[in-house]
Amino acid sequence: MSRDRIGAPGTGISRRSFLAATGATGVAATAGCVSAPVAETNGADAGVGASASMNENLPFTGPPEVVDCDETDGKVTMRMARARHAVHPGENMGGPIVFPQVWAFQANDSAPSVPGPILRTTEGNDLEVTLDNTDSMRPHTLHFHGVQKTWENDGVPTTTGVVVKPGEKHTYQIPANVPGTHLYHCHYQTPNHMEMGMYGILRVDPKGYEPADKEYFMTVKEWDSRLTRQYGGEDVTYDLTNRRPDTFTVNGKSAPRTLHPEDGSPIVVERGDTVRVHWVNAGFMSHPLHIHNHRFRVVEKDGSPMPEALQFDQDVLNVAPAERYTIEFEADVDPGIYLMHCHKVDHVRNGSSYPGGMLSGVVYKEAMNTDIFAKLMEYAGYEG
C-alpha cells in the first residue's frame, strides 16, 4: 500500500520528499520483497481448525491509518475483517513471519489493519461509533479507555449486558471529554480477541492543540503466535494459562519490516524538528522503550498533561499494559539513524534470530542518501 506520508502513522515527510532525499534510484536499486497487498474484503468468519487453503484466500492487512473523525461529523463505522498479516514478509533476519489469520479492525472505508485505525477527534467533538458485526460469526464489543461515558457505553458485556452478536450492529456514544491518547479494543473474550488483533488508538486533541513539527503514533505488542496459527488451521493449540510470546511488534510489524518507509513505522525527522510520539502498549507485558542518542520528556500520560516540573530528560520509559505516554524530544543530534527498541532485549528478536522484533528507529532525512540507509531499506524489503 502506498501512503502520502512516510514513516509511522502521523505527519512524516511526503513520499516525493523521501524519494528526493534518498536519491531515489539508489534506494530503488536495492529492491527486496514487495509490500503485502491490502485487505479489501471480509468473508464469512471461519472457526478454529479452518483449513490452511481457506486462509490462503484471505487478503492481507494494510498499515494503520489516521481517521480524522472531525471530517466525518464524529460518525465512524467499525468492522472486523479476517485477514492475513505480514509481520515481516522477508526471508532475512529470521523471516518470513506471517500470521495466517487475524481479526483486523477497519473504520469506514479504510483498509483493515493491525493495529486498527487511529481514530482522531477534538475535545468536545463527541463520537458515534457503530460496530457493524453483520458479516461476522462471533460476538464483539468496543471498549474505549480514558474517556468518561455512560454505563451502557462501556463496552463490557458482563457488566452492561450489551453484546454485538453476529449479524447485528450497535452504536456506541463516546464523548470526547478527556483529551489525550487512549486505547480501544474488543472486550468480548478479551485476551483472545486482542491477541487476534482487535485493538487500536483513540486520540482526543485538546482544544487549541498545537502539533509538533513531527508527530507519530506507535503501538507495541508481544504475541503468542499459536493463537493466530490455530485459527489459521495449523496443528497447534494456544493455551492462555501458558502463554509464550514469540513475536514482538511495533505497529504490528517486526524489524526489519518496521523500518519500511510505507509499511513500517520509522520515526522520520529533520534536524531541528520538535518530535512528539504517542506510545501505547496493547500487549500483556511491560515494555521499557529506549531511544538511542536522544533524551525525551514525557508530556502526557493516559490523557493527563504532565506538569512541567516532572518533565525531566530521560531515554528509557517503561510502558505497562494499556498505558499511554506522549513523549517529546528535539531532533538536534548528529543527523543519522538511531534505534528505538524495547530494552527487554530478548524482545528484539524474530524467533531465535537477533536483531528483529520490537525495534524501529529515528531516521534523519539528512541521512537517507547514504549506503547504510540503502542497505537498511534492502533488509526492510522496500521497493522505491
Protein backbone atom coordinates (compact mmCIF):
# COMPACT_ATOMS: atom_id res chain seq x y z
CA MET A 1 0.00 0.00 0.00
CA SER A 2 1.31 3.46 -0.84
CA ARG A 3 0.76 6.25 1.66
CA ASP A 4 1.03 10.01 1.22
CA ARG A 5 3.34 10.25 4.23
CA ILE A 6 6.48 8.29 5.01
CA GLY A 7 7.05 6.67 8.41
CA ALA A 8 4.83 5.75 11.33
CA PRO A 9 1.20 6.93 11.20
CA GLY A 10 1.30 10.68 11.70
CA THR A 11 2.96 13.63 10.00
CA GLY A 12 6.08 12.33 8.31
CA ILE A 13 7.62 13.71 5.15
CA SER A 14 5.89 13.23 1.80
CA ARG A 15 6.81 10.30 -0.41
CA ARG A 16 8.10 12.74 -3.02
CA SER A 17 10.36 14.37 -0.42
CA PHE A 18 11.53 10.93 0.71
CA LEU A 19 12.49 9.88 -2.81
CA ALA A 20 14.33 13.16 -3.33
CA ALA A 21 16.21 12.71 -0.04
CA THR A 22 17.29 9.15 -0.91
CA GLY A 23 18.39 9.97 -4.42
CA ALA A 24 15.51 7.68 -5.50
CA THR A 25 17.49 5.40 -7.78
CA GLY A 26 19.86 4.26 -5.05
CA VAL A 27 17.06 3.00 -2.82
CA ALA A 28 15.04 1.59 -5.72
CA ALA A 29 18.07 -0.42 -6.82
CA THR A 30 18.09 -2.31 -3.51
CA ALA A 31 14.66 -3.79 -4.13
CA GLY A 32 13.62 -6.56 -1.79
CA CYS A 33 10.22 -8.02 -1.00
CA VAL A 34 7.12 -6.45 -2.46
CA SER A 35 4.76 -4.89 0.09
CA ALA A 36 1.93 -7.19 1.12
CA PRO A 37 -1.33 -6.44 -0.66
CA VAL A 38 -4.08 -4.63 1.19
CA ALA A 39 -7.08 -6.44 2.64
CA GLU A 40 -10.24 -5.34 0.89
CA THR A 41 -12.96 -7.82 1.78
CA ASN A 42 -14.30 -9.77 4.72
CA GLY A 43 -15.85 -13.14 4.13
CA ALA A 44 -17.71 -15.47 6.48
CA ASP A 45 -15.92 -15.96 9.79
CA ALA A 46 -14.19 -19.34 9.92
CA GLY A 47 -13.57 -21.03 13.25
CA VAL A 48 -10.67 -22.87 14.85
CA GLY A 49 -9.45 -25.63 12.60
CA ALA A 50 -10.17 -23.78 9.35
CA SER A 51 -8.08 -25.30 6.58
CA ALA A 52 -4.86 -23.64 5.50
CA SER A 53 -6.26 -23.31 1.98
CA MET A 54 -9.15 -21.21 3.27
CA ASN A 55 -6.74 -18.81 4.93
CA GLU A 56 -4.56 -18.58 1.83
CA ASN A 57 -7.54 -16.93 0.15
CA LEU A 58 -7.72 -14.21 2.79
CA PRO A 59 -6.42 -10.77 1.78
CA PHE A 60 -3.58 -9.06 3.63
CA THR A 61 -3.88 -6.19 6.08
CA GLY A 62 -2.67 -2.70 5.28
CA PRO A 63 -0.80 -0.29 7.59
CA PRO A 64 -2.91 1.58 10.19
CA GLU A 65 -4.35 4.88 9.01
CA VAL A 66 -5.27 8.04 10.91
CA VAL A 67 -9.00 8.68 10.57
CA ASP A 68 -9.91 12.36 11.10
CA CYS A 69 -13.28 11.97 12.79
CA ASP A 70 -13.82 15.74 12.76
CA GLU A 71 -14.20 15.41 8.98
CA THR A 72 -16.88 12.71 9.34
CA ASP A 73 -19.02 14.66 11.83
CA GLY A 74 -17.91 12.23 14.51
CA LYS A 75 -19.60 9.24 12.86
CA VAL A 76 -17.45 6.13 12.44
CA THR A 77 -18.37 2.60 11.42
CA MET A 78 -16.03 -0.12 12.67
CA ARG A 79 -15.94 -3.62 11.22
CA MET A 80 -13.86 -6.71 11.82
CA ALA A 81 -12.21 -8.28 8.79
CA ARG A 82 -10.48 -11.64 8.72
CA ALA A 83 -7.14 -11.23 7.00
CA ARG A 84 -3.57 -12.44 6.84
CA HIS A 85 -0.97 -10.25 8.46
CA ALA A 86 2.61 -9.97 7.19
CA VAL A 87 4.59 -9.18 10.33
CA HIS A 88 7.91 -9.48 8.48
CA PRO A 89 7.48 -10.94 4.97
CA GLY A 90 11.19 -11.04 4.08
CA GLU A 91 13.37 -14.14 4.25
CA ASN A 92 16.21 -12.35 6.07
CA MET A 93 16.64 -11.82 9.82
CA GLY A 94 14.50 -14.74 10.91
CA GLY A 95 11.67 -14.16 8.45
CA PRO A 96 9.26 -14.63 6.95
CA ILE A 97 6.73 -14.11 9.75
CA VAL A 98 3.12 -14.16 8.55
CA PHE A 99 0.08 -14.60 10.79
CA PRO A 100 -2.28 -16.83 8.78
CA GLN A 101 -5.41 -15.23 10.27
CA VAL A 102 -6.01 -12.05 12.26
CA TRP A 103 -9.17 -10.14 13.12
CA ALA A 104 -8.43 -6.66 11.87
CA PHE A 105 -10.45 -3.52 12.57
CA GLN A 106 -11.36 -1.21 9.72
CA ALA A 107 -13.03 2.19 10.05
CA ASN A 108 -15.42 3.41 7.36
CA ASP A 109 -13.60 2.84 4.06
CA SER A 110 -10.09 2.48 5.48
CA ALA A 111 -8.14 -0.73 4.96
CA PRO A 112 -8.29 -3.36 7.72
CA SER A 113 -5.16 -3.11 9.82
CA VAL A 114 -3.37 -4.41 12.90
CA PRO A 115 -3.33 -2.24 14.98
CA GLY A 116 -6.69 -0.83 13.96
CA PRO A 117 -7.12 2.69 12.59
CA ILE A 118 -6.20 5.65 14.78
CA LEU A 119 -9.48 7.45 15.50
CA ARG A 120 -8.64 11.14 15.95
CA THR A 121 -11.02 13.82 17.12
CA THR A 122 -11.03 17.12 19.00
CA GLU A 123 -12.15 17.70 22.57
CA GLY A 124 -15.90 18.34 22.55
CA ASN A 125 -16.50 16.64 19.19
CA ASP A 126 -18.18 13.51 20.50
CA LEU A 127 -18.17 10.26 18.55
CA GLU A 128 -20.88 7.89 17.38
CA VAL A 129 -19.04 4.64 16.77
CA THR A 130 -21.12 1.92 15.12
CA LEU A 131 -19.80 -1.60 15.46
CA ASP A 132 -21.06 -3.38 12.33
CA ASN A 133 -20.94 -7.11 13.09
CA THR A 134 -23.21 -8.22 10.27
CA ASP A 135 -20.52 -10.22 8.44
CA SER A 136 -19.05 -11.95 11.49
CA MET A 137 -19.86 -15.22 13.19
CA ARG A 138 -18.62 -14.11 16.63
CA PRO A 139 -19.85 -11.60 19.20
CA HIS A 140 -17.73 -8.47 19.66
CA THR A 141 -17.81 -5.21 21.63
CA LEU A 142 -15.87 -1.95 21.70
CA HIS A 143 -14.31 -0.61 24.89
CA PHE A 144 -12.60 2.80 24.96
CA HIS A 145 -10.11 3.66 27.68
CA GLY A 146 -9.73 7.15 29.12
CA VAL A 147 -12.90 8.97 28.11
CA GLN A 148 -15.81 9.12 30.55
CA LYS A 149 -19.02 7.69 29.17
CA THR A 150 -22.38 6.32 30.32
CA TRP A 151 -22.57 2.87 31.84
CA GLU A 152 -24.24 1.25 28.83
CA ASN A 153 -21.45 2.53 26.51
CA ASP A 154 -18.59 0.95 28.46
CA GLY A 155 -18.29 -1.98 26.05
CA VAL A 156 -18.06 -4.76 28.67
CA PRO A 157 -20.68 -7.45 28.03
CA THR A 158 -20.87 -8.90 31.54
CA THR A 159 -21.48 -5.55 33.28
CA THR A 160 -23.53 -3.69 30.67
CA GLY A 161 -25.50 -6.53 29.07
CA VAL A 162 -24.61 -5.11 25.64
CA VAL A 163 -23.12 -7.64 23.22
CA VAL A 164 -23.00 -7.09 19.48
CA LYS A 165 -23.96 -10.52 18.20
CA PRO A 166 -23.25 -11.88 14.73
CA GLY A 167 -25.49 -10.18 12.19
CA GLU A 168 -26.08 -7.15 14.44
CA LYS A 169 -24.98 -3.51 14.62
CA HIS A 170 -24.66 -1.34 17.69
CA THR A 171 -23.79 2.33 18.06
CA TYR A 172 -21.67 3.48 21.00
CA GLN A 173 -21.85 7.09 22.18
CA ILE A 174 -18.26 8.04 23.02
CA PRO A 175 -17.78 11.55 24.47
CA ALA A 176 -14.54 13.34 23.55
CA ASN A 177 -14.30 14.69 27.09
CA VAL A 178 -10.82 13.57 28.15
CA PRO A 179 -8.09 14.91 25.86
CA GLY A 180 -5.19 12.57 25.29
CA THR A 181 -4.14 9.29 23.72
CA HIS A 182 -6.29 6.30 24.60
CA LEU A 183 -6.59 2.60 23.79
CA TYR A 184 -9.65 0.87 22.34
CA HIS A 185 -10.21 -2.86 21.96
CA CYS A 186 -12.79 -5.61 21.81
CA HIS A 187 -13.83 -6.60 25.34
CA TYR A 188 -15.51 -9.90 24.46
CA GLN A 189 -13.23 -12.83 25.35
CA THR A 190 -10.68 -10.05 25.74
CA PRO A 191 -7.34 -11.92 25.86
CA ASN A 192 -8.16 -13.95 22.75
CA HIS A 193 -9.70 -11.13 20.72
CA MET A 194 -6.86 -8.72 21.47
CA GLU A 195 -4.36 -11.48 20.67
CA MET A 196 -6.07 -11.79 17.29
CA GLY A 197 -5.52 -8.07 16.60
CA MET A 198 -8.65 -6.26 17.80
CA TYR A 199 -7.15 -3.09 19.29
CA GLY A 200 -6.25 0.46 18.26
CA ILE A 201 -5.77 4.07 19.35
CA LEU A 202 -8.27 6.83 20.10
CA ARG A 203 -6.70 10.29 20.09
CA VAL A 204 -8.61 13.26 21.52
CA ASP A 205 -6.77 16.50 20.82
CA PRO A 206 -7.36 19.23 23.43
CA LYS A 207 -8.95 22.44 22.23
CA GLY A 208 -6.27 24.71 20.83
CA TYR A 209 -3.88 21.78 20.34
CA GLU A 210 -0.56 22.77 18.81
CA PRO A 211 1.00 19.84 16.93
CA ALA A 212 4.75 19.31 16.91
CA ASP A 213 6.85 19.53 13.76
CA LYS A 214 6.62 15.73 13.52
CA GLU A 215 4.04 13.63 15.34
CA TYR A 216 3.72 9.83 15.30
CA PHE A 217 1.61 7.02 16.80
CA MET A 218 3.25 3.77 17.89
CA THR A 219 1.61 0.73 19.47
CA VAL A 220 3.78 -2.06 20.83
CA LYS A 221 2.63 -5.61 21.48
CA GLU A 222 4.01 -9.08 22.13
CA TRP A 223 2.19 -12.10 20.65
CA ASP A 224 1.92 -15.83 21.17
CA SER A 225 1.52 -16.72 17.51
CA ARG A 226 -0.02 -20.09 18.34
CA LEU A 227 -3.47 -18.48 18.51
CA THR A 228 -3.35 -16.97 15.02
CA ARG A 229 -1.81 -20.19 13.70
CA GLN A 230 -4.53 -22.24 15.39
CA TYR A 231 -7.23 -20.18 13.68
CA GLY A 232 -5.14 -20.47 10.54
CA GLY A 233 -5.59 -24.24 10.54
CA GLU A 234 -2.19 -25.30 11.84
CA ASP A 235 -1.85 -28.25 14.20
CA VAL A 236 -1.09 -26.16 17.29
CA THR A 237 -3.03 -25.36 20.44
CA TYR A 238 -2.99 -22.00 22.20
CA ASP A 239 -3.07 -22.12 25.99
CA LEU A 240 -3.90 -18.86 27.77
CA THR A 241 -2.53 -20.28 31.04
CA ASN A 242 0.81 -20.98 29.36
CA ARG A 243 1.18 -18.00 27.04
CA ARG A 244 4.61 -17.96 25.37
CA PRO A 245 5.22 -14.78 23.34
CA ASP A 246 7.34 -15.42 20.26
CA THR A 247 6.60 -12.32 18.15
CA PHE A 248 7.26 -8.70 19.16
CA THR A 249 5.92 -5.79 17.14
CA VAL A 250 5.81 -2.04 16.69
CA ASN A 251 2.58 -1.06 14.94
CA GLY A 252 2.04 -4.71 14.06
CA LYS A 253 5.42 -5.22 12.37
CA SER A 254 8.70 -6.78 13.46
CA ALA A 255 12.13 -5.49 12.48
CA PRO A 256 13.43 -5.09 9.87
CA ARG A 257 9.95 -4.53 8.37
CA THR A 258 9.42 -1.80 10.99
CA LEU A 259 11.92 0.32 9.04
CA HIS A 260 9.97 0.04 5.78
CA PRO A 261 9.03 3.66 4.97
CA GLU A 262 5.45 2.86 3.88
CA ASP A 263 4.53 -0.46 5.53
CA GLY A 264 6.56 0.09 8.70
CA SER A 265 6.96 2.77 11.35
CA PRO A 266 10.27 4.63 11.29
CA ILE A 267 10.29 7.94 13.18
CA VAL A 268 11.29 10.22 10.30
CA VAL A 269 12.73 13.57 11.37
CA GLU A 270 14.63 16.56 10.03
CA ARG A 271 17.32 18.26 12.08
CA GLY A 272 15.76 20.97 14.25
CA ASP A 273 12.34 19.31 14.49
CA THR A 274 10.38 19.04 17.71
CA VAL A 275 9.16 15.44 17.63
CA ARG A 276 6.14 14.08 19.53
CA VAL A 277 5.47 10.34 19.75
CA HIS A 278 2.37 8.72 21.25
CA TRP A 279 3.37 5.34 22.73
CA VAL A 280 0.66 2.78 23.54
CA ASN A 281 1.13 -0.74 24.93
CA ALA A 282 -1.58 -3.13 23.70
CA GLY A 283 0.22 -6.21 24.97
CA PHE A 284 0.06 -8.11 28.22
CA MET A 285 3.68 -7.46 29.29
CA SER A 286 5.57 -4.28 30.18
CA HIS A 287 7.99 -2.89 27.61
CA PRO A 288 10.79 -0.45 28.57
CA LEU A 289 11.18 1.64 25.40
CA HIS A 290 14.53 3.25 24.67
CA ILE A 291 15.64 5.77 22.05
CA HIS A 292 19.33 5.97 21.17
CA ASN A 293 21.22 9.28 21.35
CA HIS A 294 18.16 11.40 22.22
CA ARG A 295 16.70 12.40 25.55
CA PHE A 296 12.95 12.86 25.69
CA ARG A 297 10.40 14.30 28.09
CA VAL A 298 7.04 12.77 29.00
CA VAL A 299 4.46 15.47 28.28
CA GLU A 300 1.31 13.38 28.78
CA LYS A 301 0.23 10.13 30.44
CA ASP A 302 -3.12 8.40 29.98
CA GLY A 303 -4.68 11.68 28.91
CA SER A 304 -3.23 13.81 31.71
CA PRO A 305 -0.76 16.58 30.86
CA MET A 306 2.49 16.07 32.71
CA PRO A 307 3.35 19.04 34.99
CA GLU A 308 6.38 20.86 33.66
CA ALA A 309 8.30 20.19 36.87
CA LEU A 310 8.07 16.45 36.13
CA GLN A 311 9.19 16.72 32.51
CA PHE A 312 12.78 15.63 33.10
CA ASP A 313 15.02 14.29 30.35
CA GLN A 314 15.25 10.51 30.06
CA ASP A 315 15.99 7.87 27.44
CA VAL A 316 14.15 4.77 28.74
CA LEU A 317 10.46 4.62 29.68
CA ASN A 318 8.69 1.53 30.97
CA VAL A 319 5.25 1.27 29.37
CA ALA A 320 2.93 -1.13 31.20
CA PRO A 321 -0.03 -2.91 29.56
CA ALA A 322 -2.70 -0.39 28.40
CA GLU A 323 -0.55 2.59 29.44
CA ARG A 324 -0.23 5.54 27.07
CA TYR A 325 2.61 8.04 27.12
CA THR A 326 3.24 11.01 24.87
CA ILE A 327 6.93 11.85 24.67
CA GLU A 328 8.66 14.82 23.06
CA PHE A 329 12.25 15.38 22.01
CA GLU A 330 14.36 17.64 19.84
CA ALA A 331 15.99 16.26 16.71
CA ASP A 332 19.23 18.06 17.50
CA VAL A 333 21.97 15.42 17.34
CA ASP A 334 24.31 14.38 14.55
CA PRO A 335 21.88 13.51 11.70
CA GLY A 336 21.89 9.74 11.33
CA ILE A 337 19.91 6.58 12.05
CA TYR A 338 19.27 5.72 15.71
CA LEU A 339 17.44 2.75 17.17
CA MET A 340 14.19 2.79 19.15
CA HIS A 341 13.56 -0.56 20.84
CA CYS A 342 12.30 -2.46 23.85
CA HIS A 343 15.14 -2.85 26.33
CA LYS A 344 13.99 -6.29 27.34
CA VAL A 345 16.45 -7.22 24.66
CA ASP A 346 15.05 -10.72 24.25
CA HIS A 347 12.05 -8.90 22.72
CA VAL A 348 14.32 -7.62 19.94
CA ARG A 349 14.27 -10.90 18.03
CA ASN A 350 12.44 -12.90 15.39
CA GLY A 351 12.27 -16.41 16.80
CA SER A 352 15.88 -17.06 17.83
CA SER A 353 17.25 -14.53 15.33
CA TYR A 354 18.65 -11.27 16.74
CA PRO A 355 18.06 -8.45 15.93
CA GLY A 356 14.42 -8.20 14.97
CA GLY A 357 11.16 -7.87 16.83
CA MET A 358 10.26 -4.76 18.81
CA LEU A 359 12.70 -2.39 17.15
CA SER A 360 12.33 0.64 14.93
CA GLY A 361 14.39 3.78 14.53
CA VAL A 362 14.72 7.54 14.41
CA VAL A 363 15.73 8.28 10.82
CA TYR A 364 17.01 11.72 9.86
CA LYS A 365 16.08 12.88 6.39
CA GLU A 366 19.65 14.12 6.06
CA ALA A 367 20.94 10.52 6.39
CA MET A 368 18.72 8.96 3.74
CA ASN A 369 21.14 9.38 0.86
CA THR A 370 23.72 7.01 2.37
CA ASP A 371 24.83 3.46 1.66
CA ILE A 372 23.84 2.25 5.14
CA PHE A 373 20.30 3.60 4.72
CA ALA A 374 20.02 1.89 1.33
CA LYS A 375 21.13 -1.36 2.98
CA LEU A 376 18.51 -0.97 5.71
CA MET A 377 15.86 -0.48 3.03
CA GLU A 378 17.03 -3.72 1.44
CA TYR A 379 16.61 -5.52 4.79
CA ALA A 380 13.16 -3.93 5.18
CA GLY A 381 12.08 -5.08 1.72
CA TYR A 382 11.48 -1.62 0.29
CA GLU A 383 10.94 -1.08 -3.42
CA GLY A 384 11.10 2.56 -4.47
